[in-house]
Amino acid sequence: MRKVIVGAMVSLDGVMQAPGGPQEDPTGCFRYGGWVAPLVDEVFGEEIDKLFSQPFDLLLGRRTYEIFAAHWPYAEEGPDDSIAKTFNSIKKYVASRKGLELTWKDSVALRDAATDVARLKQEDGPALITQGSTELVHTLLAHDLVDELKLFICPVVLGRGKKLFDDGTAPAAFKLATQRVSPNGIVIAHYEREGAVQTGDFAMDPPTDAEVARREKMQRES
């Protein structure tokens, strides 16, 4: 089976919109495009390289695909030559409900993201790694299709913008597999899926009369 790995750069308040530059995705009048660039350091680079050192295919939403297709095919022989050659040589799966011209070599359209990704996961092959693609990630999380999260959590609060998690996310437990903190304060956390959410109870047993009254009040108000 193939794993789905969500690779995401996120702010402390969960925003993942336009980390790479002001023109990347200004939708919704987003003002802080390029918020990751000032924080990039050697450890960040090492962890990005580690993410893409395993065999993988890219799993992208329409908007991120368009950003990547306008950049990576033209980036070979430049400062990012190695990752450009990797991205250009592998398969790119693109989730889009609309018709989309697939100009990037080895691109494959997915018309129903949840159904098609579930099918891909049953096949033999390399991991499927997302980059950006907020709406696609929301769909994957809603259908419990995510096996791992590789998060680059940056020490900024952006206030608004497209976020990693939304209200449709299916409850799920993850375990921390590895973690590292870069000199510029980026927390790189690698989580692996681990069963259902477990709950506990810190309340007194039996509850106090005040607690019983509080619970009854909550029931009436709801």
C-alpha atoms as a PDB file:
ATOM      1  CA  MET A   1       0.000   0.000   0.000  1.00  0.00           C
ATOM      2  CA  ARG A   2       1.037   3.584  -0.648  1.00  0.00           C
ATOM      3  CA  LYS A   3       1.190   6.170   2.117  1.00  0.00           C
ATOM      4  CA  VAL A   4      -0.238   9.666   1.878  1.00  0.00           C
ATOM      5  CA  ILE A   5       2.100  12.182   3.506  1.00  0.00           C
ATOM      6  CA  VAL A   6       0.961  15.752   4.016  1.00  0.00           C
ATOM      7  CA  GLY A   7       3.992  18.022   3.814  1.00  0.00           C
ATOM      8  CA  ALA A   8       3.041  21.493   5.000  1.00  0.00           C
ATOM      9  CA  MET A   9       4.579  24.762   6.120  1.00  0.00           C
ATOM     10  CA  VAL A  10       2.259  26.282   8.707  1.00  0.00           C
ATOM     11  CA  SER A  11       2.164  29.315  10.955  1.00  0.00           C
ATOM     12  CA  LEU A  12       1.511  29.004  14.692  1.00  0.00           C
ATOM     13  CA  ASP A  13      -2.167  29.670  13.992  1.00  0.00           C
ATOM     14  CA  GLY A  14      -2.314  27.019  11.273  1.00  0.00           C
ATOM     15  CA  VAL A  15      -2.139  29.142   8.118  1.00  0.00           C
ATOM     16  CA  MET A  16      -0.387  27.507   5.151  1.00  0.00           C
ATOM     17  CA  GLN A  17      -1.235  29.977   2.375  1.00  0.00           C
ATOM     18  CA  ALA A  18       1.506  31.332   0.097  1.00  0.00           C
ATOM     19  CA  PRO A  19       4.622  30.469   2.106  1.00  0.00           C
ATOM     20  CA  GLY A  20       6.936  30.970  -0.873  1.00  0.00           C
ATOM     21  CA  GLY A  21       6.269  34.467  -2.180  1.00  0.00           C
ATOM     22  CA  PRO A  22       3.883  37.452  -2.470  1.00  0.00           C
ATOM     23  CA  GLN A  23       2.552  36.388  -5.889  1.00  0.00           C
ATOM     24  CA  GLU A  24       2.124  32.720  -5.012  1.00  0.00           C
ATOM     25  CA  ASP A  25      -1.487  32.917  -3.811  1.00  0.00           C
ATOM     26  CA  PRO A  26      -2.882  36.351  -2.866  1.00  0.00           C
ATOM     27  CA  THR A  27      -6.521  35.177  -2.889  1.00  0.00           C
ATOM     28  CA  GLY A  28      -8.675  36.622  -0.124  1.00  0.00           C
ATOM     29  CA  CYS A  29      -6.407  39.685  -0.066  1.00  0.00           C
ATOM     30  CA  PHE A  30      -3.733  37.681   1.743  1.00  0.00           C
ATOM     31  CA  ARG A  31      -0.961  40.152   2.586  1.00  0.00           C
ATOM     32  CA  TYR A  32       1.883  37.997   3.870  1.00  0.00           C
ATOM     33  CA  GLY A  33       2.934  35.840   0.923  1.00  0.00           C
ATOM     34  CA  GLY A  34       6.519  34.685   1.388  1.00  0.00           C
ATOM     35  CA  TRP A  35       6.342  34.454   5.175  1.00  0.00           C
ATOM     36  CA  VAL A  36       8.596  31.363   5.307  1.00  0.00           C
ATOM     37  CA  ALA A  37      11.486  32.830   3.279  1.00  0.00           C
ATOM     38  CA  PRO A  38      13.062  34.925   6.090  1.00  0.00           C
ATOM     39  CA  LEU A  39      13.107  31.853   8.362  1.00  0.00           C
ATOM     40  CA  VAL A  40      14.856  29.399   6.040  1.00  0.00           C
ATOM     41  CA  ASP A  41      18.067  27.983   7.505  1.00  0.00           C
ATOM     42  CA  GLU A  42      20.310  24.941   7.152  1.00  0.00           C
ATOM     43  CA  VAL A  43      18.149  22.655   9.294  1.00  0.00           C
ATOM     44  CA  PHE A  44      15.052  23.616   7.333  1.00  0.00           C
ATOM     45  CA  GLY A  45      16.876  22.709   4.118  1.00  0.00           C
ATOM     46  CA  GLU A  46      18.075  19.404   5.523  1.00  0.00           C
ATOM     47  CA  GLU A  47      14.544  18.414   6.544  1.00  0.00           C
ATOM     48  CA  ILE A  48      13.094  19.389   3.166  1.00  0.00           C
ATOM     49  CA  ASP A  49      15.758  17.225   1.513  1.00  0.00           C
ATOM     50  CA  LYS A  50      14.896  14.374   3.879  1.00  0.00           C
ATOM     51  CA  LEU A  51      11.191  14.594   2.975  1.00  0.00           C
ATOM     52  CA  PHE A  52      12.006  14.260  -0.714  1.00  0.00           C
ATOM     53  CA  SER A  53      14.812  11.711  -0.369  1.00  0.00           C
ATOM     54  CA  GLN A  54      12.368   8.778  -0.285  1.00  0.00           C
ATOM     55  CA  PRO A  55      10.659   7.447  -3.421  1.00  0.00           C
ATOM     56  CA  PHE A  56       7.521   9.535  -3.945  1.00  0.00           C
ATOM     57  CA  ASP A  57       4.976  10.959  -6.327  1.00  0.00           C
ATOM     58  CA  LEU A  58       3.447  14.411  -5.880  1.00  0.00           C
ATOM     59  CA  LEU A  59      -0.214  14.785  -4.939  1.00  0.00           C
ATOM     60  CA  LEU A  60      -1.404  18.321  -5.681  1.00  0.00           C
ATOM     61  CA  GLY A  61      -4.497  20.455  -5.850  1.00  0.00           C
ATOM     62  CA  ARG A  62      -5.231  22.568  -8.914  1.00  0.00           C
ATOM     63  CA  ARG A  63      -3.848  25.885  -7.675  1.00  0.00           C
ATOM     64  CA  THR A  64      -0.596  24.424  -6.325  1.00  0.00           C
ATOM     65  CA  TYR A  65      -0.170  22.426  -9.526  1.00  0.00           C
ATOM     66  CA  GLU A  66      -0.419  25.632 -11.558  1.00  0.00           C
ATOM     67  CA  ILE A  67       2.175  27.319  -9.315  1.00  0.00           C
ATOM     68  CA  PHE A  68       4.555  24.376  -9.588  1.00  0.00           C
ATOM     69  CA  ALA A  69       4.022  23.866 -13.332  1.00  0.00           C
ATOM     70  CA  ALA A  70       4.958  27.502 -13.955  1.00  0.00           C
ATOM     71  CA  HIS A  71       8.168  27.152 -11.958  1.00  0.00           C
ATOM     72  CA  TRP A  72       9.800  23.737 -11.659  1.00  0.00           C
ATOM     73  CA  PRO A  73      10.066  22.799 -15.366  1.00  0.00           C
ATOM     74  CA  TYR A  74      12.197  25.936 -15.788  1.00  0.00           C
ATOM     75  CA  ALA A  75      14.290  25.624 -12.603  1.00  0.00           C
ATOM     76  CA  GLU A  76      16.835  23.029 -13.703  1.00  0.00           C
ATOM     77  CA  GLU A  77      20.446  24.247 -13.796  1.00  0.00           C
ATOM     78  CA  GLY A  78      19.549  26.866 -11.198  1.00  0.00           C
ATOM     79  CA  PRO A  79      20.078  26.966  -7.411  1.00  0.00           C
ATOM     80  CA  ASP A  80      17.302  24.367  -6.906  1.00  0.00           C
ATOM     81  CA  ASP A  81      18.490  22.084  -9.692  1.00  0.00           C
ATOM     82  CA  SER A  82      18.349  18.858  -7.674  1.00  0.00           C
ATOM     83  CA  ILE A  83      14.743  19.183  -6.481  1.00  0.00           C
ATOM     84  CA  ALA A  84      13.689  20.550  -9.882  1.00  0.00           C
ATOM     85  CA  LYS A  85      15.036  17.459 -11.619  1.00  0.00           C
ATOM     86  CA  THR A  86      13.321  15.233  -9.076  1.00  0.00           C
ATOM     87  CA  PHE A  87       9.950  16.974  -9.410  1.00  0.00           C
ATOM     88  CA  ASN A  88      10.203  17.010 -13.201  1.00  0.00           C
ATOM     89  CA  SER A  89      10.964  13.289 -13.408  1.00  0.00           C
ATOM     90  CA  ILE A  90       8.281  11.872 -11.100  1.00  0.00           C
ATOM     91  CA  LYS A  91       4.538  11.474 -11.548  1.00  0.00           C
ATOM     92  CA  LYS A  92       2.242  14.306 -10.505  1.00  0.00           C
ATOM     93  CA  TYR A  93      -1.353  13.475  -9.490  1.00  0.00           C
ATOM     94  CA  VAL A  94      -3.592  16.536  -9.740  1.00  0.00           C
ATOM     95  CA  ALA A  95      -6.995  16.801  -8.052  1.00  0.00           C
ATOM     96  CA  SER A  96      -9.315  19.209  -9.844  1.00  0.00           C
ATOM     97  CA  ARG A  97     -13.071  19.270 -10.333  1.00  0.00           C
ATOM     98  CA  LYS A  98     -12.602  21.657 -13.249  1.00  0.00           C
ATOM     99  CA  GLY A  99     -10.969  20.952 -16.554  1.00  0.00           C
ATOM    100  CA  LEU A 100      -7.247  21.597 -16.259  1.00  0.00           C
ATOM    101  CA  GLU A 101      -4.588  21.648 -18.947  1.00  0.00           C
ATOM    102  CA  LEU A 102      -1.813  19.368 -17.694  1.00  0.00           C
ATOM    103  CA  THR A 103       1.253  21.026 -19.194  1.00  0.00           C
ATOM    104  CA  TRP A 104       3.801  19.480 -16.815  1.00  0.00           C
ATOM    105  CA  LYS A 105       5.303  16.179 -17.971  1.00  0.00           C
ATOM    106  CA  ASP A 106       3.942  12.997 -16.293  1.00  0.00           C
ATOM    107  CA  SER A 107       0.849  14.670 -14.826  1.00  0.00           C
ATOM    108  CA  VAL A 108      -2.329  12.668 -14.174  1.00  0.00           C
ATOM    109  CA  ALA A 109      -5.753  14.181 -13.438  1.00  0.00           C
ATOM    110  CA  LEU A 110      -7.870  13.005 -10.495  1.00  0.00           C
ATOM    111  CA  ARG A 111     -11.543  13.901 -10.874  1.00  0.00           C
ATOM    112  CA  ASP A 112     -12.747  12.667  -7.464  1.00  0.00           C
ATOM    113  CA  ALA A 113      -9.964  13.243  -4.943  1.00  0.00           C
ATOM    114  CA  ALA A 114     -11.276  11.046  -2.131  1.00  0.00           C
ATOM    115  CA  THR A 115     -12.177   8.089  -4.343  1.00  0.00           C
ATOM    116  CA  ASP A 116      -9.113   8.311  -6.559  1.00  0.00           C
ATOM    117  CA  VAL A 117      -6.624   8.733  -3.709  1.00  0.00           C
ATOM    118  CA  ALA A 118      -8.201   5.831  -1.812  1.00  0.00           C
ATOM    119  CA  ARG A 119      -7.676   3.721  -4.944  1.00  0.00           C
ATOM    120  CA  LEU A 120      -4.088   4.901  -5.367  1.00  0.00           C
ATOM    121  CA  LYS A 121      -3.334   3.978  -1.762  1.00  0.00           C
ATOM    122  CA  GLN A 122      -4.252   0.354  -2.515  1.00  0.00           C
ATOM    123  CA  GLU A 123      -1.669   0.135  -5.280  1.00  0.00           C
ATOM    124  CA  ASP A 124       1.992  -0.714  -5.035  1.00  0.00           C
ATOM    125  CA  GLY A 125       4.160   2.328  -5.495  1.00  0.00           C
ATOM    126  CA  PRO A 126       5.964   5.194  -3.784  1.00  0.00           C
ATOM    127  CA  ALA A 127       4.503   7.513  -1.173  1.00  0.00           C
ATOM    128  CA  LEU A 128       2.136  10.276  -2.257  1.00  0.00           C
ATOM    129  CA  ILE A 129       3.365  13.604  -0.867  1.00  0.00           C
ATOM    130  CA  THR A 130       1.299  16.784  -0.849  1.00  0.00           C
ATOM    131  CA  GLN A 131       2.632  20.318  -1.000  1.00  0.00           C
ATOM    132  CA  GLY A 132       0.321  23.250  -0.395  1.00  0.00           C
ATOM    133  CA  SER A 133      -3.061  22.241  -1.861  1.00  0.00           C
ATOM    134  CA  THR A 134      -5.211  23.290   1.094  1.00  0.00           C
ATOM    135  CA  GLU A 135      -8.567  22.160  -0.298  1.00  0.00           C
ATOM    136  CA  LEU A 136      -7.146  18.790  -1.310  1.00  0.00           C
ATOM    137  CA  VAL A 137      -5.610  18.320   2.142  1.00  0.00           C
ATOM    138  CA  HIS A 138      -8.976  19.129   3.723  1.00  0.00           C
ATOM    139  CA  THR A 139     -10.580  16.409   1.585  1.00  0.00           C
ATOM    140  CA  LEU A 140      -7.901  13.877   2.513  1.00  0.00           C
ATOM    141  CA  LEU A 141      -8.266  14.662   6.221  1.00  0.00           C
ATOM    142  CA  ALA A 142     -12.058  14.512   6.044  1.00  0.00           C
ATOM    143  CA  HIS A 143     -11.885  10.999   4.567  1.00  0.00           C
ATOM    144  CA  ASP A 144      -9.126   9.779   6.912  1.00  0.00           C
ATOM    145  CA  LEU A 145      -6.704   9.182   4.044  1.00  0.00           C
ATOM    146  CA  VAL A 146      -3.629  10.801   5.634  1.00  0.00           C
ATOM    147  CA  ASP A 147      -0.974   8.441   7.004  1.00  0.00           C
ATOM    148  CA  GLU A 148       1.677  10.968   8.013  1.00  0.00           C
ATOM    149  CA  LEU A 149       2.073  14.691   8.624  1.00  0.00           C
ATOM    150  CA  LYS A 150       5.433  16.395   8.071  1.00  0.00           C
ATOM    151  CA  LEU A 151       4.897  19.886   9.448  1.00  0.00           C
ATOM    152  CA  PHE A 152       7.252  22.850   9.343  1.00  0.00           C
ATOM    153  CA  ILE A 153       5.725  25.016  12.073  1.00  0.00           C
ATOM    154  CA  CYS A 154       7.012  28.581  11.793  1.00  0.00           C
ATOM    155  CA  PRO A 155       7.150  31.148  14.642  1.00  0.00           C
ATOM    156  CA  VAL A 156       4.709  33.615  13.075  1.00  0.00           C
ATOM    157  CA  VAL A 157       1.003  34.331  13.600  1.00  0.00           C
ATOM    158  CA  LEU A 158      -0.770  35.388  10.393  1.00  0.00           C
ATOM    159  CA  GLY A 159      -4.317  35.878  11.632  1.00  0.00           C
ATOM    160  CA  ARG A 160      -6.089  34.929   8.429  1.00  0.00           C
ATOM    161  CA  GLY A 161      -5.523  32.791   5.367  1.00  0.00           C
ATOM    162  CA  LYS A 162      -6.036  29.218   4.209  1.00  0.00           C
ATOM    163  CA  LYS A 163      -5.488  26.830   7.100  1.00  0.00           C
ATOM    164  CA  LEU A 164      -4.259  23.267   7.405  1.00  0.00           C
ATOM    165  CA  PHE A 165      -7.291  21.993   9.328  1.00  0.00           C
ATOM    166  CA  ASP A 166     -10.946  22.882   8.919  1.00  0.00           C
ATOM    167  CA  ASP A 167     -14.177  21.810  10.614  1.00  0.00           C
ATOM    168  CA  GLY A 168     -14.608  18.845   8.263  1.00  0.00           C
ATOM    169  CA  THR A 169     -11.461  17.046   9.463  1.00  0.00           C
ATOM    170  CA  ALA A 170     -12.170  13.509  10.674  1.00  0.00           C
ATOM    171  CA  PRO A 171     -11.039  12.870  14.280  1.00  0.00           C
ATOM    172  CA  ALA A 172      -7.786  10.883  14.313  1.00  0.00           C
ATOM    173  CA  ALA A 173      -4.839  10.213  16.605  1.00  0.00           C
ATOM    174  CA  PHE A 174      -1.227  10.686  15.528  1.00  0.00           C
ATOM    175  CA  LYS A 175       2.053   9.844  17.257  1.00  0.00           C
ATOM    176  CA  LEU A 176       5.187  11.971  17.090  1.00  0.00           C
ATOM    177  CA  ALA A 177       7.815  10.025  15.131  1.00  0.00           C
ATOM    178  CA  THR A 178      10.588  12.627  14.972  1.00  0.00           C
ATOM    179  CA  GLN A 179      11.030  16.283  15.869  1.00  0.00           C
ATOM    180  CA  ARG A 180      13.665  18.938  15.377  1.00  0.00           C
ATOM    181  CA  VAL A 181      13.927  22.687  15.977  1.00  0.00           C
ATOM    182  CA  SER A 182      15.852  24.854  13.530  1.00  0.00           C
ATOM    183  CA  PRO A 183      18.066  27.783  14.621  1.00  0.00           C
ATOM    184  CA  ASN A 184      15.404  30.214  13.365  1.00  0.00           C
ATOM    185  CA  GLY A 185      12.718  28.566  15.485  1.00  0.00           C
ATOM    186  CA  ILE A 186      10.963  26.348  12.947  1.00  0.00           C
ATOM    187  CA  VAL A 187       9.611  23.231  14.652  1.00  0.00           C
ATOM    188  CA  ILE A 188       9.820  20.298  12.240  1.00  0.00           C
ATOM    189  CA  ALA A 189       7.430  17.633  13.509  1.00  0.00           C
ATOM    190  CA  HIS A 190       6.801  14.296  11.809  1.00  0.00           C
ATOM    191  CA  TYR A 191       3.586  12.586  12.901  1.00  0.00           C
ATOM    192  CA  GLU A 192       2.327   9.104  12.001  1.00  0.00           C
ATOM    193  CA  ARG A 193      -1.310   8.000  12.090  1.00  0.00           C
ATOM    194  CA  GLU A 194      -2.148   5.973  15.183  1.00  0.00           C
ATOM    195  CA  GLY A 195      -5.707   4.730  15.587  1.00  0.00           C
ATOM    196  CA  ALA A 196      -8.667   6.497  17.081  1.00  0.00           C
ATOM    197  CA  VAL A 197      -8.752   9.468  19.432  1.00  0.00           C
ATOM    198  CA  GLN A 198      -8.550   8.336  23.055  1.00  0.00           C
ATOM    199  CA  THR A 199     -10.260  10.266  25.844  1.00  0.00           C
ATOM    200  CA  GLY A 200      -9.938  10.412  29.613  1.00  0.00           C
ATOM    201  CA  ASP A 201     -11.517  12.253  32.535  1.00  0.00           C
ATOM    202  CA  PHE A 202      -9.935  14.531  35.149  1.00  0.00           C
ATOM    203  CA  ALA A 203     -13.240  15.084  36.930  1.00  0.00           C
ATOM    204  CA  MET A 204     -13.820  13.996  40.524  1.00  0.00           C
ATOM    205  CA  ASP A 205     -15.692  10.716  40.994  1.00  0.00           C
ATOM    206  CA  PRO A 206     -18.285  11.055  42.331  1.00  0.00           C
ATOM    207  CA  PRO A 207     -18.842  14.632  41.116  1.00  0.00           C
ATOM    208  CA  THR A 208     -19.471  17.400  43.631  1.00  0.00           C
ATOM    209  CA  ASP A 209     -22.940  18.910  44.022  1.00  0.00           C
ATOM    210  CA  ALA A 210     -21.598  22.046  42.298  1.00  0.00           C
ATOM    211  CA  GLU A 211     -20.393  19.955  39.353  1.00  0.00           C
ATOM    212  CA  VAL A 212     -23.742  18.167  39.090  1.00  0.00           C
ATOM    213  CA  ALA A 213     -25.485  21.543  39.038  1.00  0.00           C
ATOM    214  CA  ARG A 214     -23.083  22.808  36.363  1.00  0.00           C
ATOM    215  CA  ARG A 215     -23.745  19.783  34.149  1.00  0.00           C
ATOM    216  CA  GLU A 216     -27.501  20.186  34.529  1.00  0.00           C
ATOM    217  CA  LYS A 217     -27.181  23.840  33.581  1.00  0.00           C
ATOM    218  CA  MET A 218     -25.169  22.890  30.488  1.00  0.00           C
ATOM    219  CA  GLN A 219     -27.854  20.400  29.459  1.00  0.00           C
ATOM    220  CA  ARG A 220     -30.579  23.030  29.783  1.00  0.00           C
ATOM    221  CA  GLU A 221     -28.605  25.598  27.788  1.00  0.00           C
ATOM    222  CA  SER A 222     -27.838  23.174  24.959  1.00  0.00           C
END
